[in-house]
PDB file of N, CA and C in Angstrom:
ATOM      1  N   MET A   1     103.674 116.969  88.632  1.00  0.00           N
ATOM      2  CA  MET A   1     103.207 115.980  87.708  1.00  0.00           C
ATOM      3  C   MET A   1     103.403 114.618  88.368  1.00  0.00           C
ATOM      4  N   ILE A   2     102.338 113.812  88.391  1.00  0.00           N
ATOM      5  CA  ILE A   2     102.481 112.447  88.882  1.00  0.00           C
ATOM      6  C   ILE A   2     102.840 111.554  87.710  1.00  0.00           C
ATOM      7  N   ASN A   3     103.630 110.533  88.006  1.00  0.00           N
ATOM      8  CA  ASN A   3     104.124 109.689  86.924  1.00  0.00           C
ATOM      9  C   ASN A   3     104.171 108.250  87.405  1.00  0.00           C
ATOM     10  N   THR A   4     103.462 107.368  86.713  1.00  0.00           N
ATOM     11  CA  THR A   4     103.449 105.964  87.105  1.00  0.00           C
ATOM     12  C   THR A   4     104.646 105.209  86.557  1.00  0.00           C
ATOM     13  N   GLY A   5     105.413 105.814  85.666  1.00  0.00           N
ATOM     14  CA  GLY A   5     106.575 105.151  85.091  1.00  0.00           C
ATOM     15  C   GLY A   5     107.914 105.636  85.623  1.00  0.00           C
ATOM     16  N   ALA A   6     107.933 106.784  86.285  1.00  0.00           N
ATOM     17  CA  ALA A   6     109.192 107.335  86.800  1.00  0.00           C
ATOM     18  C   ALA A   6     109.707 106.490  87.959  1.00  0.00           C
ATOM     19  N   ILE A   7     111.030 106.368  88.051  1.00  0.00           N
ATOM     20  CA  ILE A   7     111.604 105.590  89.144  1.00  0.00           C
ATOM     21  C   ILE A   7     112.095 106.472  90.291  1.00  0.00           C
ATOM     22  N   ASP A   8     112.171 107.779  90.087  1.00  0.00           N
ATOM     23  CA  ASP A   8     112.623 108.700  91.124  1.00  0.00           C
ATOM     24  C   ASP A   8     111.748 109.940  91.151  1.00  0.00           C
ATOM     25  N   TYR A   9     111.784 110.627  92.307  1.00  0.00           N
ATOM     26  CA  TYR A   9     111.176 111.953  92.414  1.00  0.00           C
ATOM     27  C   TYR A   9     112.174 112.953  91.854  1.00  0.00           C
ATOM     28  N   MET A  10     111.675 114.019  91.240  1.00  0.00           N
ATOM     29  CA  MET A  10     112.545 115.077  90.735  1.00  0.00           C
ATOM     30  C   MET A  10     111.910 116.431  90.980  1.00  0.00           C
ATOM     31  N   THR A  11     112.757 117.433  91.197  1.00  0.00           N
ATOM     32  CA  THR A  11     112.287 118.808  91.338  1.00  0.00           C
ATOM     33  C   THR A  11     113.339 119.756  90.783  1.00  0.00           C
ATOM     34  N   SER A  12     112.889 120.902  90.332  1.00  0.00           N
ATOM     35  CA  SER A  12     113.815 121.963  89.934  1.00  0.00           C
ATOM     36  C   SER A  12     113.970 122.979  91.058  1.00  0.00           C
ATOM     37  N   LEU A  13     113.234 122.794  92.142  1.00  0.00           N
ATOM     38  CA  LEU A  13     113.208 123.732  93.263  1.00  0.00           C
ATOM     39  C   LEU A  13     114.012 123.172  94.432  1.00  0.00           C
ATOM     40  N   SER A  14     115.327 123.305  94.382  1.00  0.00           N
ATOM     41  CA  SER A  14     116.155 122.748  95.452  1.00  0.00           C
ATOM     42  C   SER A  14     115.883 123.429  96.790  1.00  0.00           C
ATOM     43  N   SER A  15     115.278 124.613  96.771  1.00  0.00           N
ATOM     44  CA  SER A  15     114.984 125.335  98.015  1.00  0.00           C
ATOM     45  C   SER A  15     113.911 124.630  98.847  1.00  0.00           C
ATOM     46  N   CYS A  16     113.120 123.744  98.259  1.00  0.00           N
ATOM     47  CA  CYS A  16     112.072 123.049  99.010  1.00  0.00           C
ATOM     48  C   CYS A  16     112.593 121.796  99.704  1.00  0.00           C
ATOM     49  N   LEU A  17     113.853 121.447  99.491  1.00  0.00           N
ATOM     50  CA  LEU A  17     114.413 120.222 100.044  1.00  0.00           C
ATOM     51  C   LEU A  17     114.956 120.430 101.451  1.00  0.00           C
ATOM     52  N   SER A  18     114.837 119.404 102.274  1.00  0.00           N
ATOM     53  CA  SER A  18     115.493 119.376 103.581  1.00  0.00           C
ATOM     54  C   SER A  18     116.469 118.209 103.581  1.00  0.00           C
ATOM     55  N   ARG A  19     117.330 118.169 104.574  1.00  0.00           N
ATOM     56  CA  ARG A  19     118.370 117.135 104.649  1.00  0.00           C
ATOM     57  C   ARG A  19     119.102 117.007 103.307  1.00  0.00           C
ATOM     58  N   VAL A  20     119.478 118.145 102.759  1.00  0.00           N
ATOM     59  CA  VAL A  20     120.090 118.204 101.435  1.00  0.00           C
ATOM     60  C   VAL A  20     121.516 117.667 101.477  1.00  0.00           C
ATOM     61  N   LYS A  21     121.819 116.841 100.499  1.00  0.00           N
ATOM     62  CA  LYS A  21     123.171 116.325 100.325  1.00  0.00           C
ATOM     63  C   LYS A  21     123.641 116.746  98.930  1.00  0.00           C
ATOM     64  N   ASN A  22     124.864 117.210  98.838  1.00  0.00           N
ATOM     65  CA  ASN A  22     125.427 117.461  97.515  1.00  0.00           C
ATOM     66  C   ASN A  22     125.584 116.130  96.816  1.00  0.00           C
ATOM     67  N   ASN A  23     125.355 116.141  95.550  1.00  0.00           N
ATOM     68  CA  ASN A  23     125.495 114.920  94.779  1.00  0.00           C
ATOM     69  C   ASN A  23     126.971 114.686  94.517  1.00  0.00           C
ATOM     70  N   GLY A  24     127.598 113.815  95.295  1.00  0.00           N
ATOM     71  CA  GLY A  24     129.026 113.563  95.177  1.00  0.00           C
ATOM     72  C   GLY A  24     129.417 112.889  93.881  1.00  0.00           C
ATOM     73  N   VAL A  25     128.501 112.163  93.308  1.00  0.00           N
ATOM     74  CA  VAL A  25     128.753 111.495  92.030  1.00  0.00           C
ATOM     75  C   VAL A  25     128.146 112.365  90.940  1.00  0.00           C
ATOM     76  N   ASN A  26     128.843 112.534  89.853  1.00  0.00           N
ATOM     77  CA  ASN A  26     128.302 113.311  88.741  1.00  0.00           C
ATOM     78  C   ASN A  26     127.231 112.495  88.032  1.00  0.00           C
ATOM     79  N   CYS A  27     126.043 112.524  88.599  1.00  0.00           N
ATOM     80  CA  CYS A  27     124.917 111.748  88.083  1.00  0.00           C
ATOM     81  C   CYS A  27     124.105 112.619  87.131  1.00  0.00           C
ATOM     82  N   CYS A  28     123.716 112.049  86.024  1.00  0.00           N
ATOM     83  CA  CYS A  28     122.872 112.746  85.052  1.00  0.00           C
ATOM     84  C   CYS A  28     121.605 111.952  84.831  1.00  0.00           C
ATOM     85  N   ILE A  29     120.576 112.660  84.423  1.00  0.00           N
ATOM     86  CA  ILE A  29     119.355 111.991  83.978  1.00  0.00           C
ATOM     87  C   ILE A  29     119.047 112.460  82.572  1.00  0.00           C
ATOM     88  N   LYS A  30     118.307 111.656  81.867  1.00  0.00           N
ATOM     89  CA  LYS A  30     117.912 111.989  80.503  1.00  0.00           C
ATOM     90  C   LYS A  30     116.495 112.545  80.527  1.00  0.00           C
ATOM     91  N   LEU A  31     116.333 113.757  80.027  1.00  0.00           N
ATOM     92  CA  LEU A  31     115.034 114.415  79.978  1.00  0.00           C
ATOM     93  C   LEU A  31     114.220 113.895  78.792  1.00  0.00           C
ATOM     94  N   PRO A  32     112.909 114.136  78.810  1.00  0.00           N
ATOM     95  CA  PRO A  32     112.066 113.685  77.698  1.00  0.00           C
ATOM     96  C   PRO A  32     112.498 114.222  76.328  1.00  0.00           C
ATOM     97  N   ASN A  33     113.180 115.385  76.308  1.00  0.00           N
ATOM     98  CA  ASN A  33     113.632 115.948  75.025  1.00  0.00           C
ATOM     99  C   ASN A  33     114.947 115.339  74.550  1.00  0.00           C
ATOM    100  N   GLY A  34     115.504 114.381  75.334  1.00  0.00           N
ATOM    101  CA  GLY A  34     116.743 113.711  74.953  1.00  0.00           C
ATOM    102  C   GLY A  34     117.995 114.302  75.572  1.00  0.00           C
ATOM    103  N   ASN A  35     117.916 115.504  76.130  1.00  0.00           N
ATOM    104  CA  ASN A  35     119.078 116.123  76.774  1.00  0.00           C
ATOM    105  C   ASN A  35     119.402 115.425  78.081  1.00  0.00           C
ATOM    106  N   GLN A  36     120.695 115.339  78.386  1.00  0.00           N
ATOM    107  CA  GLN A  36     121.120 114.832  79.681  1.00  0.00           C
ATOM    108  C   GLN A  36     121.498 116.012  80.557  1.00  0.00           C
ATOM    109  N   VAL A  37     120.998 116.017  81.801  1.00  0.00           N
ATOM    110  CA  VAL A  37     121.268 117.114  82.730  1.00  0.00           C
ATOM    111  C   VAL A  37     121.761 116.554  84.057  1.00  0.00           C
ATOM    112  N   LEU A  38     122.504 117.385  84.771  1.00  0.00           N
ATOM    113  CA  LEU A  38     123.144 116.995  86.017  1.00  0.00           C
ATOM    114  C   LEU A  38     122.172 117.045  87.192  1.00  0.00           C
ATOM    115  N   VAL A  39     122.229 116.044  88.047  1.00  0.00           N
ATOM    116  CA  VAL A  39     121.535 116.069  89.333  1.00  0.00           C
ATOM    117  C   VAL A  39     122.467 116.784  90.297  1.00  0.00           C
ATOM    118  N   THR A  40     122.050 117.938  90.817  1.00  0.00           N
ATOM    119  CA  THR A  40     122.936 118.762  91.633  1.00  0.00           C
ATOM    120  C   THR A  40     122.880 118.427  93.114  1.00  0.00           C
ATOM    121  N   HIS A  41     121.711 118.063  93.627  1.00  0.00           N
ATOM    122  CA  HIS A  41     121.520 117.768  95.040  1.00  0.00           C
ATOM    123  C   HIS A  41     120.496 116.641  95.178  1.00  0.00           C
ATOM    124  N   VAL A  42     120.476 116.066  96.360  1.00  0.00           N
ATOM    125  CA  VAL A  42     119.466 115.069  96.722  1.00  0.00           C
ATOM    126  C   VAL A  42     118.971 115.445  98.106  1.00  0.00           C
ATOM    127  N   GLY A  43     117.648 115.404  98.310  1.00  0.00           N
ATOM    128  CA  GLY A  43     117.105 115.768  99.615  1.00  0.00           C
ATOM    129  C   GLY A  43     115.720 115.211  99.834  1.00  0.00           C
ATOM    130  N   ASP A  44     115.097 115.622 100.926  1.00  0.00           N
ATOM    131  CA  ASP A  44     113.768 115.142 101.311  1.00  0.00           C
ATOM    132  C   ASP A  44     112.783 116.308 101.336  1.00  0.00           C
ATOM    133  N   VAL A  45     111.489 115.976 101.215  1.00  0.00           N
ATOM    134  CA  VAL A  45     110.416 116.956 101.390  1.00  0.00           C
ATOM    135  C   VAL A  45     109.405 116.358 102.355  1.00  0.00           C
ATOM    136  N   HIS A  46     109.161 117.081 103.445  1.00  0.00           N
ATOM    137  CA  HIS A  46     108.189 116.655 104.447  1.00  0.00           C
ATOM    138  C   HIS A  46     106.826 117.220 104.038  1.00  0.00           C
ATOM    139  N   LEU A  47     105.878 116.344 103.691  1.00  0.00           N
ATOM    140  CA  LEU A  47     104.559 116.794 103.237  1.00  0.00           C
ATOM    141  C   LEU A  47     103.532 116.845 104.363  1.00  0.00           C
ATOM    142  N   SER A  48     103.611 115.901 105.306  1.00  0.00           N
ATOM    143  CA  SER A  48     102.674 115.852 106.432  1.00  0.00           C
ATOM    144  C   SER A  48     103.305 115.020 107.538  1.00  0.00           C
ATOM    145  N   ASN A  49     102.575 114.863 108.654  1.00  0.00           N
ATOM    146  CA  ASN A  49     103.092 114.050 109.751  1.00  0.00           C
ATOM    147  C   ASN A  49     103.349 112.615 109.312  1.00  0.00           C
ATOM    148  N   ASP A  50     102.559 112.125 108.395  1.00  0.00           N
ATOM    149  CA  ASP A  50     102.656 110.735 107.950  1.00  0.00           C
ATOM    150  C   ASP A  50     103.436 110.547 106.669  1.00  0.00           C
ATOM    151  N   LEU A  51     103.899 111.624 106.051  1.00  0.00           N
ATOM    152  CA  LEU A  51     104.425 111.469 104.701  1.00  0.00           C
ATOM    153  C   LEU A  51     105.638 112.365 104.438  1.00  0.00           C
ATOM    154  N   THR A  52     106.759 111.720 104.162  1.00  0.00           N
ATOM    155  CA  THR A  52     107.976 112.405 103.750  1.00  0.00           C
ATOM    156  C   THR A  52     108.486 111.745 102.483  1.00  0.00           C
ATOM    157  N   LEU A  53     108.726 112.546 101.472  1.00  0.00           N
ATOM    158  CA  LEU A  53     109.319 112.040 100.234  1.00  0.00           C
ATOM    159  C   LEU A  53     110.826 112.085 100.400  1.00  0.00           C
ATOM    160  N   LYS A  54     111.486 110.939 100.226  1.00  0.00           N
ATOM    161  CA  LYS A  54     112.922 110.844 100.470  1.00  0.00           C
ATOM    162  C   LYS A  54     113.695 110.715  99.171  1.00  0.00           C
ATOM    163  N   ASP A  55     114.905 111.250  99.202  1.00  0.00           N
ATOM    164  CA  ASP A  55     115.844 111.137  98.077  1.00  0.00           C
ATOM    165  C   ASP A  55     115.284 111.718  96.777  1.00  0.00           C
ATOM    166  N   ILE A  56     114.821 112.963  96.868  1.00  0.00           N
ATOM    167  CA  ILE A  56     114.340 113.683  95.686  1.00  0.00           C
ATOM    168  C   ILE A  56     115.551 114.237  94.941  1.00  0.00           C
ATOM    169  N   LEU A  57     115.573 114.043  93.649  1.00  0.00           N
ATOM    170  CA  LEU A  57     116.667 114.532  92.816  1.00  0.00           C
ATOM    171  C   LEU A  57     116.409 115.981  92.433  1.00  0.00           C
ATOM    172  N   ALA A  58     117.360 116.862  92.713  1.00  0.00           N
ATOM    173  CA  ALA A  58     117.262 118.263  92.290  1.00  0.00           C
ATOM    174  C   ALA A  58     117.901 118.380  90.910  1.00  0.00           C
ATOM    175  N   VAL A  59     117.065 118.718  89.937  1.00  0.00           N
ATOM    176  CA  VAL A  59     117.506 118.845  88.548  1.00  0.00           C
ATOM    177  C   VAL A  59     117.098 120.242  88.102  1.00  0.00           C
ATOM    178  N   LEU A  60     118.028 121.185  88.213  1.00  0.00           N
ATOM    179  CA  LEU A  60     117.701 122.594  88.006  1.00  0.00           C
ATOM    180  C   LEU A  60     117.280 122.908  86.579  1.00  0.00           C
ATOM    181  N   ASP A  61     117.699 122.108  85.615  1.00  0.00           N
ATOM    182  CA  ASP A  61     117.349 122.354  84.216  1.00  0.00           C
ATOM    183  C   ASP A  61     116.021 121.723  83.804  1.00  0.00           C
ATOM    184  N   PHE A  62     115.296 121.158  84.750  1.00  0.00           N
ATOM    185  CA  PHE A  62     114.008 120.522  84.462  1.00  0.00           C
ATOM    186  C   PHE A  62     112.923 121.425  85.012  1.00  0.00           C
ATOM    187  N   LYS A  63     111.864 121.686  84.271  1.00  0.00           N
ATOM    188  CA  LYS A  63     110.884 122.677  84.704  1.00  0.00           C
ATOM    189  C   LYS A  63     109.682 122.089  85.443  1.00  0.00           C
ATOM    190  N   TYR A  64     109.680 120.785  85.715  1.00  0.00           N
ATOM    191  CA  TYR A  64     108.554 120.149  86.385  1.00  0.00           C
ATOM    192  C   TYR A  64     109.001 119.491  87.681  1.00  0.00           C
ATOM    193  N   ASN A  65     108.038 119.262  88.551  1.00  0.00           N
ATOM    194  CA  ASN A  65     108.242 118.398  89.707  1.00  0.00           C
ATOM    195  C   ASN A  65     107.605 117.065  89.353  1.00  0.00           C
ATOM    196  N   VAL A  66     108.323 115.976  89.582  1.00  0.00           N
ATOM    197  CA  VAL A  66     107.828 114.649  89.223  1.00  0.00           C
ATOM    198  C   VAL A  66     107.634 113.840  90.498  1.00  0.00           C
ATOM    199  N   LEU A  67     106.448 113.294  90.653  1.00  0.00           N
ATOM    200  CA  LEU A  67     106.122 112.420  91.762  1.00  0.00           C
ATOM    201  C   LEU A  67     106.032 111.000  91.226  1.00  0.00           C
ATOM    202  N   SER A  68     106.992 110.169  91.594  1.00  0.00           N
ATOM    203  CA  SER A  68     107.007 108.769  91.169  1.00  0.00           C
ATOM    204  C   SER A  68     106.025 107.986  92.030  1.00  0.00           C
ATOM    205  N   ILE A  69     104.956 107.510  91.418  1.00  0.00           N
ATOM    206  CA  ILE A  69     103.939 106.762  92.158  1.00  0.00           C
ATOM    207  C   ILE A  69     104.509 105.456  92.695  1.00  0.00           C
ATOM    208  N   SER A  70     105.300 104.751  91.899  1.00  0.00           N
ATOM    209  CA  SER A  70     105.843 103.472  92.361  1.00  0.00           C
ATOM    210  C   SER A  70     106.774 103.664  93.563  1.00  0.00           C
ATOM    211  N   LYS A  71     107.607 104.690  93.530  1.00  0.00           N
ATOM    212  CA  LYS A  71     108.513 104.960  94.667  1.00  0.00           C
ATOM    213  C   LYS A  71     107.718 105.407  95.885  1.00  0.00           C
ATOM    214  N   LEU A  72     106.712 106.233  95.683  1.00  0.00           N
ATOM    215  CA  LEU A  72     105.868 106.690  96.779  1.00  0.00           C
ATOM    216  C   LEU A  72     105.205 105.508  97.485  1.00  0.00           C
ATOM    217  N   CYS A  73     104.638 104.593  96.728  1.00  0.00           N
ATOM    218  CA  CYS A  73     103.975 103.422  97.306  1.00  0.00           C
ATOM    219  C   CYS A  73     104.969 102.540  98.049  1.00  0.00           C
ATOM    220  N   ARG A  74     106.109 102.319  97.446  1.00  0.00           N
ATOM    221  CA  ARG A  74     107.133 101.458  98.052  1.00  0.00           C
ATOM    222  C   ARG A  74     107.695 102.080  99.335  1.00  0.00           C
ATOM    223  N   ASP A  75     108.073 103.354  99.282  1.00  0.00           N
ATOM    224  CA  ASP A  75     108.696 104.020 100.431  1.00  0.00           C
ATOM    225  C   ASP A  75     107.724 104.275 101.574  1.00  0.00           C
ATOM    226  N   SER A  76     106.455 104.484 101.270  1.00  0.00           N
ATOM    227  CA  SER A  76     105.475 104.881 102.287  1.00  0.00           C
ATOM    228  C   SER A  76     104.516 103.763 102.671  1.00  0.00           C
ATOM    229  N   ASN A  77     104.712 102.564 102.109  1.00  0.00           N
ATOM    230  CA  ASN A  77     103.827 101.437 102.369  1.00  0.00           C
ATOM    231  C   ASN A  77     102.366 101.826 102.121  1.00  0.00           C
ATOM    232  N   CYS A  78     102.130 102.377 100.937  1.00  0.00           N
ATOM    233  CA  CYS A  78     100.820 102.904 100.579  1.00  0.00           C
ATOM    234  C   CYS A  78     100.331 102.325  99.258  1.00  0.00           C
ATOM    235  N   VAL A  79      99.064 102.578  98.992  1.00  0.00           N
ATOM    236  CA  VAL A  79      98.476 102.327  97.680  1.00  0.00           C
ATOM    237  C   VAL A  79      97.908 103.650  97.192  1.00  0.00           C
ATOM    238  N   VAL A  80      97.785 103.783  95.890  1.00  0.00           N
ATOM    239  CA  VAL A  80      97.192 104.980  95.298  1.00  0.00           C
ATOM    240  C   VAL A  80      95.942 104.563  94.549  1.00  0.00           C
ATOM    241  N   VAL A  81      94.858 105.273  94.813  1.00  0.00           N
ATOM    242  CA  VAL A  81      93.582 105.010  94.154  1.00  0.00           C
ATOM    243  C   VAL A  81      93.269 106.219  93.280  1.00  0.00           C
ATOM    244  N   PHE A  82      93.102 105.987  91.979  1.00  0.00           N
ATOM    245  CA  PHE A  82      92.831 107.066  91.035  1.00  0.00           C
ATOM    246  C   PHE A  82      91.341 107.175  90.757  1.00  0.00           C
ATOM    247  N   TYR A  83      90.862 108.413  90.746  1.00  0.00           N
ATOM    248  CA  TYR A  83      89.494 108.727  90.364  1.00  0.00           C
ATOM    249  C   TYR A  83      89.556 109.660  89.158  1.00  0.00           C
ATOM    250  N   ASP A  84      88.427 110.202  88.729  1.00  0.00           N
ATOM    251  CA  ASP A  84      88.388 111.032  87.523  1.00  0.00           C
ATOM    252  C   ASP A  84      89.413 112.162  87.535  1.00  0.00           C
ATOM    253  N   GLU A  85      89.443 112.953  88.580  1.00  0.00           N
ATOM    254  CA  GLU A  85      90.343 114.111  88.619  1.00  0.00           C
ATOM    255  C   GLU A  85      91.217 114.167  89.860  1.00  0.00           C
ATOM    256  N   ILE A  86      91.076 113.208  90.757  1.00  0.00           N
ATOM    257  CA  ILE A  86      91.868 113.194  91.987  1.00  0.00           C
ATOM    258  C   ILE A  86      92.449 111.801  92.214  1.00  0.00           C
ATOM    259  N   PHE A  87      93.398 111.745  93.145  1.00  0.00           N
ATOM    260  CA  PHE A  87      93.888 110.454  93.602  1.00  0.00           C
ATOM    261  C   PHE A  87      94.044 110.486  95.115  1.00  0.00           C
ATOM    262  N   LEU A  88      93.865 109.331  95.736  1.00  0.00           N
ATOM    263  CA  LEU A  88      94.025 109.177  97.171  1.00  0.00           C
ATOM    264  C   LEU A  88      95.254 108.343  97.452  1.00  0.00           C
ATOM    265  N   LEU A  89      96.001 108.719  98.451  1.00  0.00           N
ATOM    266  CA  LEU A  89      97.126 107.943  98.931  1.00  0.00           C
ATOM    267  C   LEU A  89      96.681 107.327 100.251  1.00  0.00           C
ATOM    268  N   GLN A  90      96.639 105.987 100.308  1.00  0.00           N
ATOM    269  CA  GLN A  90      96.136 105.306 101.482  1.00  0.00           C
ATOM    270  C   GLN A  90      97.182 104.351 102.055  1.00  0.00           C
ATOM    271  N   ASP A  91      97.214 104.259 103.386  1.00  0.00           N
ATOM    272  CA  ASP A  91      98.069 103.289 104.047  1.00  0.00           C
ATOM    273  C   ASP A  91      97.665 101.890 103.585  1.00  0.00           C
ATOM    274  N   TYR A  92      98.645 101.071 103.272  1.00  0.00           N
ATOM    275  CA  TYR A  92      98.390  99.743 102.724  1.00  0.00           C
ATOM    276  C   TYR A  92      97.616  98.861 103.699  1.00  0.00           C
ATOM    277  N   ALA A  93      97.969  98.888 104.973  1.00  0.00           N
ATOM    278  CA  ALA A  93      97.347  98.003 105.956  1.00  0.00           C
ATOM    279  C   ALA A  93      96.018  98.528 106.478  1.00  0.00           C
ATOM    280  N   THR A  94      95.973  99.823 106.836  1.00  0.00           N
ATOM    281  CA  THR A  94      94.787 100.376 107.490  1.00  0.00           C
ATOM    282  C   THR A  94      93.823 101.065 106.541  1.00  0.00           C
ATOM    283  N   ARG A  95      94.283 101.391 105.342  1.00  0.00           N
ATOM    284  CA  ARG A  95      93.513 102.154 104.342  1.00  0.00           C
ATOM    285  C   ARG A  95      93.231 103.591 104.789  1.00  0.00           C
ATOM    286  N   LYS A  96      93.921 104.048 105.844  1.00  0.00           N
ATOM    287  CA  LYS A  96      93.805 105.447 106.281  1.00  0.00           C
ATOM    288  C   LYS A  96      94.341 106.345 105.172  1.00  0.00           C
ATOM    289  N   VAL A  97      93.607 107.415 104.866  1.00  0.00           N
ATOM    290  CA  VAL A  97      94.032 108.352 103.827  1.00  0.00           C
ATOM    291  C   VAL A  97      95.200 109.174 104.349  1.00  0.00           C
ATOM    292  N   LYS A  98      96.313 109.109 103.628  1.00  0.00           N
ATOM    293  CA  LYS A  98      97.512 109.874 103.987  1.00  0.00           C
ATOM    294  C   LYS A  98      97.636 111.137 103.142  1.00  0.00           C
ATOM    295  N   GLY A  99      96.978 111.161 101.997  1.00  0.00           N
ATOM    296  CA  GLY A  99      97.081 112.318 101.129  1.00  0.00           C
ATOM    297  C   GLY A  99      96.044 112.281 100.025  1.00  0.00           C
ATOM    298  N   LEU A 100      95.848 113.426  99.419  1.00  0.00           N
ATOM    299  CA  LEU A 100      94.894 113.609  98.339  1.00  0.00           C
ATOM    300  C   LEU A 100      95.529 114.552  97.334  1.00  0.00           C
ATOM    301  N   GLY A 101      95.405 114.249  96.070  1.00  0.00           N
ATOM    302  CA  GLY A 101      95.991 115.116  95.056  1.00  0.00           C
ATOM    303  C   GLY A 101      95.121 115.221  93.817  1.00  0.00           C
ATOM    304  N   GLU A 102      95.402 116.239  93.030  1.00  0.00           N
ATOM    305  CA  GLU A 102      94.714 116.440  91.751  1.00  0.00           C
ATOM    306  C   GLU A 102      95.704 116.209  90.626  1.00  0.00           C
ATOM    307  N   TYR A 103      95.202 115.773  89.493  1.00  0.00           N
ATOM    308  CA  TYR A 103      96.049 115.635  88.303  1.00  0.00           C
ATOM    309  C   TYR A 103      95.327 116.118  87.081  1.00  0.00           C
TER     310      TYR A 103
END
């Protein structure tokens, strides 16, 4: 799920993470249903040669993967262009397409 309001990436699939760090601080996040759940690990996901998502929160009690558009743009120096059913991730300076997704 892409999210223009989320401030962090989240996943329930800690097995997809690389460079995994145990969460030394007992950090919790608040889910949309109001429950607070523990962030168990933090790691990265390598999507392509040009794109790595860093510091993804592993939240095992959450059933979705969340892609924070604002963090993606900031961390990757990119812009996101939305169309009817797809979005493009483009390099800010060159406008080279770094990724394509559906929503």
